[in-house]
C-alpha atoms as a PDB file:
ATOM      1  CA  MET A   1      23.647  -4.550  37.596  1.00  0.00           C
ATOM      2  CA  GLN A   2      24.169  -1.505  40.013  1.00  0.00           C
ATOM      3  CA  THR A   3      22.214   0.789  41.555  1.00  0.00           C
ATOM      4  CA  VAL A   4      21.867   4.072  43.767  1.00  0.00           C
ATOM      5  CA  ASP A   5      19.176   5.920  45.917  1.00  0.00           C
ATOM      6  CA  PHE A   6      19.145   7.962  49.064  1.00  0.00           C
ATOM      7  CA  PHE A   7      16.929  10.989  50.495  1.00  0.00           C
ATOM      8  CA  THR A   8      16.389  12.525  53.638  1.00  0.00           C
ATOM      9  CA  PRO A   9      13.734  11.020  55.966  1.00  0.00           C
ATOM     10  CA  ILE A  10      10.628  10.674  55.416  1.00  0.00           C
ATOM     11  CA  VAL A  11       9.200   9.411  58.890  1.00  0.00           C
ATOM     12  CA  ASP A  12       9.698  10.366  62.241  1.00  0.00           C
ATOM     13  CA  ASP A  13      10.630   6.807  63.411  1.00  0.00           C
ATOM     14  CA  PRO A  14      14.407   6.020  62.427  1.00  0.00           C
ATOM     15  CA  TYR A  15      14.038   2.648  62.425  1.00  0.00           C
ATOM     16  CA  SER A  16      11.458   2.491  59.515  1.00  0.00           C
ATOM     17  CA  PHE A  17      13.246   5.256  57.821  1.00  0.00           C
ATOM     18  CA  GLY A  18      15.799   3.147  57.546  1.00  0.00           C
ATOM     19  CA  GLN A  19      13.977  -0.236  56.396  1.00  0.00           C
ATOM     20  CA  ILE A  20      11.919   2.611  53.877  1.00  0.00           C
ATOM     21  CA  ALA A  21      15.252   3.796  52.368  1.00  0.00           C
ATOM     22  CA  ALA A  22      16.590   0.299  51.306  1.00  0.00           C
ATOM     23  CA  ALA A  23      13.615  -1.076  50.517  1.00  0.00           C
ATOM     24  CA  ASN A  24      13.481   2.093  47.737  1.00  0.00           C
ATOM     25  CA  ALA A  25      17.224   1.307  46.369  1.00  0.00           C
ATOM     26  CA  LEU A  26      16.441  -2.612  46.223  1.00  0.00           C
ATOM     27  CA  SER A  27      13.653  -2.118  44.146  1.00  0.00           C
ATOM     28  CA  ASP A  28      15.427  -0.927  40.948  1.00  0.00           C
ATOM     29  CA  ILE A  29      16.963  -4.163  41.174  1.00  0.00           C
ATOM     30  CA  TYR A  30      13.336  -6.353  41.425  1.00  0.00           C
ATOM     31  CA  ALA A  31      12.206  -4.157  38.605  1.00  0.00           C
ATOM     32  CA  MET A  32      14.724  -5.400  36.135  1.00  0.00           C
ATOM     33  CA  GLY A  33      14.177  -8.900  36.837  1.00  0.00           C
ATOM     34  CA  GLY A  34      17.203  -9.252  39.387  1.00  0.00           C
ATOM     35  CA  LYS A  35      18.752 -10.587  42.672  1.00  0.00           C
ATOM     36  CA  PRO A  36      20.089  -8.117  44.746  1.00  0.00           C
ATOM     37  CA  LEU A  37      23.842  -9.367  46.016  1.00  0.00           C
ATOM     38  CA  THR A  38      25.743  -7.141  48.132  1.00  0.00           C
ATOM     39  CA  VAL A  39      24.939  -3.818  49.342  1.00  0.00           C
ATOM     40  CA  LEU A  40      26.702  -0.491  50.210  1.00  0.00           C
ATOM     41  CA  ASN A  41      25.313   2.072  52.775  1.00  0.00           C
ATOM     42  CA  ILE A  42      25.663   6.183  52.240  1.00  0.00           C
ATOM     43  CA  VAL A  43      24.942   7.997  55.030  1.00  0.00           C
ATOM     44  CA  ALA A  44      25.254  11.670  55.920  1.00  0.00           C
ATOM     45  CA  PHE A  45      24.221  12.468  59.227  1.00  0.00           C
ATOM     46  CA  PRO A  46      24.696  15.807  61.312  1.00  0.00           C
ATOM     47  CA  ILE A  47      26.847  13.397  64.395  1.00  0.00           C
ATOM     48  CA  SER A  48      27.211  16.382  66.784  1.00  0.00           C
ATOM     49  CA  VAL A  49      24.022  17.581  67.022  1.00  0.00           C
ATOM     50  CA  LEU A  50      21.400  14.379  67.548  1.00  0.00           C
ATOM     51  CA  ASP A  51      22.175  10.810  69.224  1.00  0.00           C
ATOM     52  CA  LYS A  52      24.283   8.263  67.556  1.00  0.00           C
ATOM     53  CA  SER A  53      21.848   5.792  68.545  1.00  0.00           C
ATOM     54  CA  ILE A  54      19.129   7.542  65.892  1.00  0.00           C
ATOM     55  CA  LEU A  55      21.678   6.339  63.013  1.00  0.00           C
ATOM     56  CA  GLY A  56      22.040   3.291  64.800  1.00  0.00           C
ATOM     57  CA  ASP A  57      18.449   2.451  64.486  1.00  0.00           C
ATOM     58  CA  ILE A  58      18.487   4.118  60.912  1.00  0.00           C
ATOM     59  CA  LEU A  59      21.090   1.219  60.166  1.00  0.00           C
ATOM     60  CA  ARG A  60      19.556  -1.489  61.608  1.00  0.00           C
ATOM     61  CA  GLY A  61      16.096  -0.928  59.978  1.00  0.00           C
ATOM     62  CA  ALA A  62      17.985  -1.144  56.894  1.00  0.00           C
ATOM     63  CA  ALA A  63      20.189  -3.913  57.500  1.00  0.00           C
ATOM     64  CA  ASP A  64      16.983  -6.296  58.303  1.00  0.00           C
ATOM     65  CA  LYS A  65      15.775  -5.247  54.978  1.00  0.00           C
ATOM     66  CA  VAL A  66      19.163  -6.324  53.232  1.00  0.00           C
ATOM     67  CA  GLN A  67      19.021  -9.838  55.080  1.00  0.00           C
ATOM     68  CA  GLU A  68      15.350 -10.111  54.402  1.00  0.00           C
ATOM     69  CA  ALA A  69      16.394  -9.770  50.808  1.00  0.00           C
ATOM     70  CA  GLY A  70      19.127 -12.249  51.013  1.00  0.00           C
ATOM     71  CA  ALA A  71      21.804  -9.440  50.349  1.00  0.00           C
ATOM     72  CA  THR A  72      24.823  -8.798  51.996  1.00  0.00           C
ATOM     73  CA  LEU A  73      25.922  -5.437  53.691  1.00  0.00           C
ATOM     74  CA  VAL A  74      29.764  -5.136  52.612  1.00  0.00           C
ATOM     75  CA  GLY A  75      30.053  -1.464  54.415  1.00  0.00           C
ATOM     76  CA  GLY A  76      29.619   1.753  52.629  1.00  0.00           C
ATOM     77  CA  HIS A  77      30.353   5.488  53.183  1.00  0.00           C
ATOM     78  CA  SER A  78      29.384   8.483  55.985  1.00  0.00           C
ATOM     79  CA  ILE A  79      30.053  11.788  55.969  1.00  0.00           C
ATOM     80  CA  ASP A  80      28.678  14.780  58.553  1.00  0.00           C
ATOM     81  CA  ASP A  81      26.089  16.814  57.372  1.00  0.00           C
ATOM     82  CA  LYS A  82      23.881  19.035  58.799  1.00  0.00           C
ATOM     83  CA  GLU A  83      21.103  16.744  57.489  1.00  0.00           C
ATOM     84  CA  PRO A  84      20.311  13.598  58.067  1.00  0.00           C
ATOM     85  CA  LYS A  85      20.193  11.271  55.027  1.00  0.00           C
ATOM     86  CA  PHE A  86      20.137   7.970  53.722  1.00  0.00           C
ATOM     87  CA  GLY A  87      20.237   5.385  51.070  1.00  0.00           C
ATOM     88  CA  LEU A  88      21.978   2.199  49.814  1.00  0.00           C
ATOM     89  CA  ALA A  89      24.191   1.320  46.621  1.00  0.00           C
ATOM     90  CA  VAL A  90      22.980  -2.003  45.484  1.00  0.00           C
ATOM     91  CA  THR A  91      24.617  -4.717  43.313  1.00  0.00           C
ATOM     92  CA  GLY A  92      22.471  -7.601  41.256  1.00  0.00           C
ATOM     93  CA  LEU A  93      22.631 -10.441  39.625  1.00  0.00           C
ATOM     94  CA  VAL A  94      20.280 -11.406  35.867  1.00  0.00           C
ATOM     95  CA  HIS A  95      21.020 -12.891  33.149  1.00  0.00           C
ATOM     96  CA  PRO A  96      21.074 -11.079  30.279  1.00  0.00           C
ATOM     97  CA  ASP A  97      18.284 -12.472  28.657  1.00  0.00           C
ATOM     98  CA  LYS A  98      16.099 -11.871  31.364  1.00  0.00           C
ATOM     99  CA  VAL A  99      16.469  -8.511  32.091  1.00  0.00           C
ATOM    100  CA  ARG A 100      13.601  -6.390  32.369  1.00  0.00           C
ATOM    101  CA  THR A 101      13.567  -3.225  31.249  1.00  0.00           C
ATOM    102  CA  ASN A 102      10.545   0.134  31.285  1.00  0.00           C
ATOM    103  CA  ALA A 103      10.749   0.068  27.262  1.00  0.00           C
ATOM    104  CA  GLY A 104       9.587  -3.528  25.748  1.00  0.00           C
ATOM    105  CA  ALA A 105       6.059  -3.335  26.385  1.00  0.00           C
ATOM    106  CA  GLN A 106       3.623  -4.550  23.575  1.00  0.00           C
ATOM    107  CA  VAL A 107       0.212  -3.452  22.085  1.00  0.00           C
ATOM    108  CA  GLY A 108      -2.338  -5.790  23.947  1.00  0.00           C
ATOM    109  CA  ASP A 109      -0.181  -6.044  27.262  1.00  0.00           C
ATOM    110  CA  LYS A 110      -2.070  -5.666  30.456  1.00  0.00           C
ATOM    111  CA  LEU A 111      -0.822  -3.412  33.084  1.00  0.00           C
ATOM    112  CA  ILE A 112      -0.517  -4.959  36.844  1.00  0.00           C
ATOM    113  CA  LEU A 113       0.345  -2.547  39.332  1.00  0.00           C
ATOM    114  CA  THR A 114       1.777  -4.040  42.877  1.00  0.00           C
ATOM    115  CA  LYS A 115       1.118  -1.182  45.253  1.00  0.00           C
ATOM    116  CA  PRO A 116      -1.186   1.180  46.116  1.00  0.00           C
ATOM    117  CA  ILE A 117      -0.614   5.311  45.214  1.00  0.00           C
ATOM    118  CA  GLY A 118      -0.889   8.566  47.608  1.00  0.00           C
ATOM    119  CA  VAL A 119       2.337   7.913  49.466  1.00  0.00           C
ATOM    120  CA  GLY A 120       3.724  11.997  49.054  1.00  0.00           C
ATOM    121  CA  ILE A 121       0.374  13.155  49.689  1.00  0.00           C
ATOM    122  CA  LEU A 122       0.231  10.696  53.191  1.00  0.00           C
ATOM    123  CA  THR A 123       3.863  11.662  54.092  1.00  0.00           C
ATOM    124  CA  THR A 124       3.070  15.533  53.643  1.00  0.00           C
ATOM    125  CA  SER A 125       0.474  14.517  55.870  1.00  0.00           C
ATOM    126  CA  ILE A 126       2.568  13.049  58.080  1.00  0.00           C
ATOM    127  CA  LYS A 127       4.641  16.387  58.630  1.00  0.00           C
ATOM    128  CA  LYS A 128       1.119  18.216  59.176  1.00  0.00           C
ATOM    129  CA  ASP A 129       0.300  15.790  61.997  1.00  0.00           C
ATOM    130  CA  GLN A 130      -2.823  14.718  59.830  1.00  0.00           C
ATOM    131  CA  LEU A 131      -2.527  10.664  60.186  1.00  0.00           C
ATOM    132  CA  SER A 132      -3.248   8.964  62.926  1.00  0.00           C
ATOM    133  CA  PRO A 133      -1.056   6.452  64.431  1.00  0.00           C
ATOM    134  CA  GLU A 134      -2.610   3.604  62.464  1.00  0.00           C
ATOM    135  CA  GLU A 135      -2.868   5.416  59.114  1.00  0.00           C
ATOM    136  CA  THR A 136       0.946   6.076  59.691  1.00  0.00           C
ATOM    137  CA  VAL A 137       1.776   2.456  60.184  1.00  0.00           C
ATOM    138  CA  ARG A 138      -0.384   1.491  57.667  1.00  0.00           C
ATOM    139  CA  LEU A 139       1.676   4.087  54.609  1.00  0.00           C
ATOM    140  CA  THR A 140       5.026   2.987  56.373  1.00  0.00           C
ATOM    141  CA  THR A 141       4.273  -1.085  56.193  1.00  0.00           C
ATOM    142  CA  VAL A 142       3.491  -0.495  52.277  1.00  0.00           C
ATOM    143  CA  MET A 143       6.864   1.530  51.904  1.00  0.00           C
ATOM    144  CA  SER A 144       8.833  -0.936  53.492  1.00  0.00           C
ATOM    145  CA  THR A 145       7.626  -3.681  51.774  1.00  0.00           C
ATOM    146  CA  LEU A 146      10.713  -5.242  49.404  1.00  0.00           C
ATOM    147  CA  ASN A 147       9.143  -5.553  46.008  1.00  0.00           C
ATOM    148  CA  LYS A 148      10.853  -8.908  46.182  1.00  0.00           C
ATOM    149  CA  LYS A 149       7.743 -10.849  45.657  1.00  0.00           C
ATOM    150  CA  ALA A 150       6.227  -9.647  43.302  1.00  0.00           C
ATOM    151  CA  ALA A 151       9.910  -9.692  41.549  1.00  0.00           C
ATOM    152  CA  GLU A 152      10.055 -13.257  42.180  1.00  0.00           C
ATOM    153  CA  ILE A 153       6.078 -14.346  41.180  1.00  0.00           C
ATOM    154  CA  MET A 154       6.582 -12.333  38.338  1.00  0.00           C
ATOM    155  CA  GLU A 155       9.803 -14.407  36.942  1.00  0.00           C
ATOM    156  CA  PRO A 156       8.292 -17.097  34.847  1.00  0.00           C
ATOM    157  CA  TYR A 157       5.287 -14.725  33.512  1.00  0.00           C
ATOM    158  CA  ASP A 158       6.012 -13.254  29.910  1.00  0.00           C
ATOM    159  CA  VAL A 159       6.534  -9.922  31.216  1.00  0.00           C
ATOM    160  CA  HIS A 160       7.659  -7.334  27.997  1.00  0.00           C
ATOM    161  CA  ALA A 161       8.245  -4.391  30.422  1.00  0.00           C
ATOM    162  CA  CYS A 162       8.580  -3.532  34.451  1.00  0.00           C
ATOM    163  CA  THR A 163       9.480  -0.786  35.992  1.00  0.00           C
ATOM    164  CA  ASP A 164       9.315   0.480  39.801  1.00  0.00           C
ATOM    165  CA  VAL A 165       6.970   2.959  40.723  1.00  0.00           C
ATOM    166  CA  THR A 166       8.812   6.718  42.444  1.00  0.00           C
ATOM    167  CA  GLY A 167       9.502   9.611  42.717  1.00  0.00           C
ATOM    168  CA  PHE A 168       8.016  10.681  39.364  1.00  0.00           C
ATOM    169  CA  GLY A 169       4.797   8.990  40.821  1.00  0.00           C
ATOM    170  CA  LEU A 170       2.278   6.215  38.749  1.00  0.00           C
ATOM    171  CA  LEU A 171       2.072   8.095  35.411  1.00  0.00           C
ATOM    172  CA  GLY A 172       5.069   9.705  35.454  1.00  0.00           C
ATOM    173  CA  HIS A 173       7.364   6.258  35.232  1.00  0.00           C
ATOM    174  CA  ALA A 174       4.240   4.923  32.806  1.00  0.00           C
ATOM    175  CA  SER A 175       5.105   7.475  30.419  1.00  0.00           C
ATOM    176  CA  GLU A 176       8.751   6.745  30.311  1.00  0.00           C
ATOM    177  CA  MET A 177       7.658   3.269  29.918  1.00  0.00           C
ATOM    178  CA  ALA A 178       4.845   4.268  27.184  1.00  0.00           C
ATOM    179  CA  LYS A 179       7.894   6.626  25.140  1.00  0.00           C
ATOM    180  CA  GLY A 180      10.224   3.337  25.565  1.00  0.00           C
ATOM    181  CA  SER A 181       8.049   1.408  24.315  1.00  0.00           C
ATOM    182  CA  ASN A 182       6.459   3.639  21.361  1.00  0.00           C
ATOM    183  CA  HIS A 183       2.896   2.023  22.494  1.00  0.00           C
ATOM    184  CA  GLY A 184      -0.002   4.214  23.854  1.00  0.00           C
ATOM    185  CA  LEU A 185      -0.822   3.294  27.202  1.00  0.00           C
ATOM    186  CA  ILE A 186      -4.544   3.225  28.827  1.00  0.00           C
ATOM    187  CA  ILE A 187      -4.862   3.626  32.754  1.00  0.00           C
ATOM    188  CA  ARG A 188      -8.200   3.318  33.900  1.00  0.00           C
ATOM    189  CA  GLN A 189      -8.329   5.551  36.922  1.00  0.00           C
ATOM    190  CA  GLY A 190     -10.797   3.414  39.013  1.00  0.00           C
ATOM    191  CA  ASP A 191      -8.819   0.563  39.027  1.00  0.00           C
ATOM    192  CA  VAL A 192      -6.030   1.698  40.291  1.00  0.00           C
ATOM    193  CA  PRO A 193      -5.429   1.165  44.054  1.00  0.00           C
ATOM    194  CA  MET A 194      -4.860   4.067  46.492  1.00  0.00           C
ATOM    195  CA  LEU A 195      -4.024   4.591  49.949  1.00  0.00           C
ATOM    196  CA  PRO A 196      -7.094   5.679  52.287  1.00  0.00           C
ATOM    197  CA  ARG A 197      -7.832   9.386  52.655  1.00  0.00           C
ATOM    198  CA  VAL A 198      -5.470  10.339  49.765  1.00  0.00           C
ATOM    199  CA  ARG A 199      -8.564  12.285  48.320  1.00  0.00           C
ATOM    200  CA  GLU A 200      -9.540  13.538  51.373  1.00  0.00           C
ATOM    201  CA  LEU A 201      -6.064  14.921  52.493  1.00  0.00           C
ATOM    202  CA  ALA A 202      -5.854  16.531  49.209  1.00  0.00           C
ATOM    203  CA  GLU A 203      -8.482  18.562  49.140  1.00  0.00           C
ATOM    204  CA  GLN A 204      -7.129  19.806  52.624  1.00  0.00           C
ATOM    205  CA  GLY A 205      -4.217  21.004  50.488  1.00  0.00           C
ATOM    206  CA  PHE A 206      -1.381  18.431  51.187  1.00  0.00           C
ATOM    207  CA  VAL A 207      -0.356  18.296  48.133  1.00  0.00           C
ATOM    208  CA  PRO A 208       3.539  17.697  47.590  1.00  0.00           C
ATOM    209  CA  GLY A 209       5.426  20.385  45.672  1.00  0.00           C
ATOM    210  CA  GLY A 210       6.892  17.256  43.950  1.00  0.00           C
ATOM    211  CA  THR A 211       3.495  15.812  42.890  1.00  0.00           C
ATOM    212  CA  LYS A 212       2.801  19.032  41.068  1.00  0.00           C
ATOM    213  CA  ASN A 213       5.962  19.355  39.211  1.00  0.00           C
ATOM    214  CA  ASN A 214       5.644  15.654  38.219  1.00  0.00           C
ATOM    215  CA  PHE A 215       2.330  17.242  36.763  1.00  0.00           C
ATOM    216  CA  ALA A 216       3.516  19.891  34.986  1.00  0.00           C
ATOM    217  CA  HIS A 217       6.555  17.910  33.232  1.00  0.00           C
ATOM    218  CA  LEU A 218       3.776  15.485  31.921  1.00  0.00           C
ATOM    219  CA  GLU A 219       2.181  18.074  30.114  1.00  0.00           C
ATOM    220  CA  GLY A 220       1.692  17.246  26.475  1.00  0.00           C
ATOM    221  CA  SER A 221       2.293  13.092  27.542  1.00  0.00           C
ATOM    222  CA  ILE A 222      -1.158  12.347  29.594  1.00  0.00           C
ATOM    223  CA  LEU A 223      -4.520  12.616  27.456  1.00  0.00           C
ATOM    224  CA  TYR A 224      -6.614  13.331  30.906  1.00  0.00           C
ATOM    225  CA  PRO A 225     -10.986  13.245  30.223  1.00  0.00           C
ATOM    226  CA  GLU A 226     -12.121  16.754  30.337  1.00  0.00           C
ATOM    227  CA  GLU A 227     -14.457  15.558  33.321  1.00  0.00           C
ATOM    228  CA  MET A 228     -11.478  14.826  35.709  1.00  0.00           C
ATOM    229  CA  ASP A 229     -10.943  17.452  38.367  1.00  0.00           C
ATOM    230  CA  GLN A 230      -7.349  19.058  38.988  1.00  0.00           C
ATOM    231  CA  LEU A 231      -6.865  17.041  42.383  1.00  0.00           C
ATOM    232  CA  SER A 232      -7.601  13.471  40.140  1.00  0.00           C
ATOM    233  CA  ARG A 233      -4.673  14.635  38.111  1.00  0.00           C
ATOM    234  CA  TYR A 234      -2.442  15.151  40.865  1.00  0.00           C
ATOM    235  CA  ILE A 235      -3.231  12.035  42.948  1.00  0.00           C
ATOM    236  CA  LEU A 236      -1.901   9.854  39.561  1.00  0.00           C
ATOM    237  CA  CYS A 237       1.254  11.829  39.339  1.00  0.00           C
ATOM    238  CA  ASP A 238       1.811  11.698  43.226  1.00  0.00           C
ATOM    239  CA  ALA A 239       5.675  11.463  44.276  1.00  0.00           C
ATOM    240  CA  VAL A 240       5.897   7.917  45.444  1.00  0.00           C
ATOM    241  CA  THR A 241       8.617   6.649  47.643  1.00  0.00           C
ATOM    242  CA  SER A 242       9.152   2.978  47.625  1.00  0.00           C
ATOM    243  CA  GLY A 243       6.213   2.164  45.081  1.00  0.00           C
ATOM    244  CA  GLY A 244       4.977  -0.598  43.906  1.00  0.00           C
ATOM    245  CA  LEU A 245       6.054  -2.755  40.570  1.00  0.00           C
ATOM    246  CA  LEU A 246       4.405  -1.714  37.278  1.00  0.00           C
ATOM    247  CA  ILE A 247       4.234  -4.902  34.655  1.00  0.00           C
ATOM    248  CA  SER A 248       3.450  -5.155  31.410  1.00  0.00           C
ATOM    249  CA  VAL A 249       2.477  -8.854  30.525  1.00  0.00           C
ATOM    250  CA  VAL A 250       1.140 -10.525  27.889  1.00  0.00           C
ATOM    251  CA  PRO A 251      -3.242 -10.451  27.727  1.00  0.00           C
ATOM    252  CA  GLU A 252      -3.423 -14.409  28.785  1.00  0.00           C
ATOM    253  CA  GLN A 253      -1.436 -14.448  31.311  1.00  0.00           C
ATOM    254  CA  SER A 254      -2.612 -11.330  32.953  1.00  0.00           C
ATOM    255  CA  GLU A 255      -5.387 -12.906  35.250  1.00  0.00           C
ATOM    256  CA  ASP A 256      -3.229 -15.873  36.264  1.00  0.00           C
ATOM    257  CA  LEU A 257      -0.417 -13.359  37.434  1.00  0.00           C
ATOM    258  CA  LEU A 258      -2.186 -11.002  39.171  1.00  0.00           C
ATOM    259  CA  LYS A 259      -4.157 -13.922  41.612  1.00  0.00           C
ATOM    260  CA  GLU A 260      -1.096 -15.246  42.000  1.00  0.00           C
ATOM    261  CA  LEU A 261       0.494 -11.869  43.430  1.00  0.00           C
ATOM    262  CA  VAL A 262      -3.227 -11.148  45.280  1.00  0.00           C
ATOM    263  CA  ASP A 263      -2.863 -14.316  46.486  1.00  0.00           C
ATOM    264  CA  ALA A 264       0.366 -13.973  47.771  1.00  0.00           C
ATOM    265  CA  GLY A 265      -0.769 -11.062  49.324  1.00  0.00           C
ATOM    266  CA  VAL A 266       0.883  -8.193  47.032  1.00  0.00           C
ATOM    267  CA  GLU A 267      -1.578  -5.548  47.465  1.00  0.00           C
ATOM    268  CA  ALA A 268      -1.254  -6.082  43.021  1.00  0.00           C
ATOM    269  CA  ALA A 269      -4.536  -4.541  40.836  1.00  0.00           C
ATOM    270  CA  LEU A 270      -4.900  -4.476  37.140  1.00  0.00           C
ATOM    271  CA  ILE A 271      -4.995  -0.844  35.856  1.00  0.00           C
ATOM    272  CA  GLY A 272      -4.672  -0.706  31.614  1.00  0.00           C
ATOM    273  CA  GLU A 273      -3.105  -2.454  28.903  1.00  0.00           C
ATOM    274  CA  VAL A 274      -1.305  -1.151  26.250  1.00  0.00           C
ATOM    275  CA  THR A 275      -2.478   0.271  22.528  1.00  0.00           C
ATOM    276  CA  GLU A 276      -1.223   1.095  19.351  1.00  0.00           C
ATOM    277  CA  GLU A 277      -2.900   4.589  19.499  1.00  0.00           C
ATOM    278  CA  HIS A 278      -1.732   7.300  20.924  1.00  0.00           C
ATOM    279  CA  PRO A 279       1.751   6.483  20.368  1.00  0.00           C
ATOM    280  CA  GLY A 280       4.252   7.634  23.276  1.00  0.00           C
ATOM    281  CA  GLN A 281       1.414   9.022  25.345  1.00  0.00           C
ATOM    282  CA  ILE A 282      -1.276   7.810  28.214  1.00  0.00           C
ATOM    283  CA  ALA A 283      -4.677   8.050  28.284  1.00  0.00           C
ATOM    284  CA  VAL A 284      -6.704   8.293  31.305  1.00  0.00           C
ATOM    285  CA  ILE A 285      -9.864   6.957  31.664  1.00  0.00           C
ATOM    286  CA  ALA A 286     -12.189   8.612  34.002  1.00  0.00           C
ATOM    287  CA  ALA A 287     -13.283   6.725  37.385  1.00  0.00           C
ATOM    288  CA  GLN A 288     -17.134   5.569  36.233  1.00  0.00           C
END
């Protein structure tokens, strides 16, 4: 299996940016049940404008995450560009009979999410100097955490579908699972883990354009409760960088999987289930 992903900096610290970009690129391999083997760096950098040490820090951050993943850096490609961009092309290995896709969810499955949402709103807030240093560290830690541990823990369980939550947001990637499986999903808003101050900062106007585009793109695919306000809907659609795994697991194993994840330090939560009702759509249940 192969995947590729790269993007512009979303945090100021170049080392952290390298870590986040690497974790994000590696995530697709983990979501499919695979193990990353080799990676190639993809670099765009204004070499005549920015100090080369910045690029060195980006590459060092990525290399540390690649090492943590147990993969090998085998090269890459760079170009001179006006705006820095960085990511990885990743090759992984999985047995053909054990590939996890986003299209196999079955009625009755429970849905587990392994990282909190709200990343897009908080990274937008960073650009406006709205986060404290401690909040920035917390956000960076979430984004730079590999999905390796979650993927390894779920491996022996009867997982029917899995996807990583990234740019299309929680509801966007969950919608792909619903459509691909031709079943309905139920998402309980109150059970979805969320980073601190997400609601507060959304109320102050720090909702990124990508999040609003996600919401618009999902029109007709999501059944929201009438009483749910617009900001709550945006938050569930918030564009994520290097998010967690959304796992569809047989109901009788869901509590054991959740406990094992939490005991291992994964910020996991059981957020919903798969239903035969409203196939291809998601019904959101508002927080009580």
